[in-house]
Every structure is written in C-alpha cells, then in structure tokens.
Amino acid sequence: HFVYEEGLMEDNGYPDFEAHKAAHKAMIGEVEVMLAEYEQDPHKAMSHATDYLKAWLINHINGTDKEYSSFLIGKGVH
C-alpha cells in the first residue's frame, strides 16, 4: 500500500512527499517494535497496537492522507 501511495505522490509532484514517506517509515518501525514486544508480552503488545493504530487512523489517514488525496484529485488522478 505505501509503495503505491508514495509512487502516486512522487509521480505527481506532491510537495509534502518526503514528510509523508517519513511518516510511513516511522509507522513501519513502530510495527516492528510491536512485533518484538509481542514475543515478550502479547497482552501489552496488543494494547500498544490498538492505541497506536487508533491514533494512526485518526491522525494519518484522516489528516495527511486527505491532504494528498485532495492534491492528486486536483491533478486529475483518480
């Protein structure tokens, strides 16, 4: 998903591309932390994952993803 999304942004000159790509990289890093955490304490890891993903859905998808999608729609990308 991230590769496709980043390709659209890069191909269409999205001005905040690098920051958005960095947010994706940070999210992947956080998931790696949760996977390692799961091996030690599954309950704690699942709680961490739930909290993180809720924040990601609200802040990233409902925020920055809306910004780039508006930009791409303005460029005629559907």
Protein backbone atom coordinates (compact mmCIF):
# COMPACT_ATOMS: atom_id res chain seq x y z
CA HIS A 1 0.00 0.00 0.00
CA PHE A 2 2.68 2.51 0.98
CA VAL A 3 4.70 1.88 -2.19
CA TYR A 4 1.65 2.53 -4.39
CA GLU A 5 0.65 5.64 -2.42
CA GLU A 6 4.19 7.03 -2.42
CA GLY A 7 4.50 6.37 -6.15
CA LEU A 8 1.40 8.42 -6.86
CA MET A 9 2.66 11.28 -4.73
CA GLU A 10 6.15 11.24 -6.22
CA ASP A 11 4.95 10.90 -9.82
CA ASN A 12 2.62 13.87 -9.39
CA GLY A 13 4.99 16.18 -7.54
CA TYR A 14 3.24 16.17 -4.17
CA PRO A 15 5.05 18.93 -2.24
CA ASP A 16 4.99 17.13 1.14
CA PHE A 17 6.15 13.80 -0.30
CA GLU A 18 9.30 13.37 1.82
CA ALA A 19 7.49 14.05 5.09
CA HIS A 20 4.69 11.66 4.16
CA LYS A 21 7.20 8.98 3.20
CA ALA A 22 9.00 9.51 6.53
CA ALA A 23 5.67 9.02 8.37
CA HIS A 24 5.23 5.69 6.59
CA LYS A 25 8.77 4.65 7.54
CA ALA A 26 8.11 5.59 11.17
CA MET A 27 4.91 3.54 11.15
CA ILE A 28 6.76 0.50 9.81
CA GLY A 29 9.36 0.95 12.57
CA GLU A 30 6.62 1.11 15.18
CA VAL A 31 5.07 -2.11 13.88
CA GLU A 32 8.48 -3.79 14.13
CA VAL A 33 8.70 -2.67 17.77
CA MET A 34 5.24 -4.09 18.44
CA LEU A 35 6.17 -7.43 16.86
CA ALA A 36 9.25 -7.70 19.08
CA GLU A 37 7.18 -6.62 22.06
CA TYR A 38 4.62 -9.32 21.25
CA GLU A 39 7.22 -12.02 21.78
CA GLN A 40 7.82 -10.75 25.32
CA ASP A 41 4.32 -9.72 26.40
CA PRO A 42 1.46 -10.38 23.95
CA HIS A 43 -1.15 -8.55 26.04
CA LYS A 44 0.94 -5.40 26.34
CA ALA A 45 1.80 -5.54 22.63
CA MET A 46 -1.86 -5.83 21.61
CA SER A 47 -2.78 -2.88 23.82
CA HIS A 48 0.08 -0.88 22.30
CA ALA A 49 -1.02 -1.87 18.78
CA THR A 50 -4.63 -0.87 19.44
CA ASP A 51 -3.64 2.54 20.79
CA TYR A 52 -1.14 3.18 18.01
CA LEU A 53 -3.44 2.10 15.19
CA LYS A 54 -6.34 4.17 16.54
CA ALA A 55 -4.11 7.26 16.56
CA TRP A 56 -2.75 6.39 13.08
CA LEU A 57 -6.26 6.08 11.66
CA ILE A 58 -7.36 9.38 13.12
CA ASN A 59 -4.22 11.44 12.52
CA HIS A 60 -2.62 10.00 9.42
CA ILE A 61 -5.44 8.60 7.34
CA ASN A 62 -7.99 11.21 8.32
CA GLY A 63 -5.41 14.01 8.19
CA THR A 64 -2.41 13.75 5.91
CA ASP A 65 -3.94 11.18 3.56
CA LYS A 66 -6.86 13.54 2.92
CA GLU A 67 -4.38 16.29 2.07
CA TYR A 68 -2.52 14.28 -0.55
CA SER A 69 -5.72 12.81 -1.98
CA SER A 70 -7.14 16.32 -2.50
CA PHE A 71 -3.88 17.30 -4.20
CA LEU A 72 -3.98 14.27 -6.51
CA ILE A 73 -7.65 14.78 -7.38
CA GLY A 74 -6.75 18.35 -8.30
CA LYS A 75 -4.15 16.92 -10.67
CA GLY A 76 -6.77 14.68 -12.29
CA VAL A 77 -5.61 11.43 -10.65
CA HIS A 78 -8.47 9.12 -9.67
